[in-house]
């Protein structure tokens, strides 16, 4: 398998697609904030992912 360097946006998009394929509902902005550390409410973010 060939390694691929994903951009930050591509990586976040793939995370969203995976979560949605498992029945979750999440926005790409939530994933970006989670990985960027911008959101101080990480517990709330994790709860949103689990919803």
Protein backbone atom coordinates (compact mmCIF):
# COMPACT_ATOMS: atom_id res chain seq x y z
CA UNK A 1 0.00 0.00 0.00
CA UNK A 2 1.40 3.37 -1.01
CA UNK A 3 1.57 6.03 1.70
CA UNK A 4 -0.40 9.19 1.05
CA UNK A 5 0.02 12.56 2.66
CA UNK A 6 -3.43 13.96 3.38
CA UNK A 7 -4.12 17.63 3.90
CA UNK A 8 -5.76 18.62 7.16
CA UNK A 9 -9.07 19.21 5.35
CA UNK A 10 -8.93 15.82 3.61
CA UNK A 11 -8.19 14.04 6.87
CA UNK A 12 -11.06 15.78 8.67
CA UNK A 13 -13.43 14.96 5.81
CA UNK A 14 -12.48 11.27 5.97
CA UNK A 15 -13.09 11.23 9.73
CA UNK A 16 -16.56 12.74 9.17
CA UNK A 17 -17.35 10.18 6.47
CA UNK A 18 -16.28 7.31 8.74
CA UNK A 19 -18.34 8.58 11.69
CA UNK A 20 -21.40 9.09 9.50
CA UNK A 21 -21.02 5.61 7.99
CA UNK A 22 -21.28 4.25 11.53
CA UNK A 23 -24.55 6.12 12.08
CA UNK A 24 -23.17 9.22 13.75
CA UNK A 25 -23.99 12.78 12.84
CA UNK A 26 -21.16 15.30 12.95
CA UNK A 27 -20.09 18.46 11.16
CA UNK A 28 -16.67 18.84 9.59
CA UNK A 29 -16.16 22.02 11.66
CA UNK A 30 -16.54 19.97 14.86
CA UNK A 31 -13.83 17.57 13.72
CA UNK A 32 -11.54 20.43 12.71
CA UNK A 33 -12.01 22.15 16.08
CA UNK A 34 -11.41 18.87 17.91
CA UNK A 35 -8.10 18.21 16.16
CA UNK A 36 -7.01 21.85 16.24
CA UNK A 37 -7.62 22.12 19.96
CA UNK A 38 -9.65 25.26 19.37
CA UNK A 39 -12.67 23.96 21.22
CA UNK A 40 -12.27 23.99 24.98
CA UNK A 41 -15.31 21.73 25.37
CA UNK A 42 -13.70 18.49 24.25
CA UNK A 43 -16.10 16.42 26.36
CA UNK A 44 -19.02 18.06 24.57
CA UNK A 45 -17.33 17.39 21.26
CA UNK A 46 -16.87 13.73 22.10
CA UNK A 47 -20.52 13.56 23.17
CA UNK A 48 -21.52 15.05 19.80
CA UNK A 49 -19.47 12.39 18.02
CA UNK A 50 -21.16 9.64 20.04
CA UNK A 51 -24.65 10.94 19.24
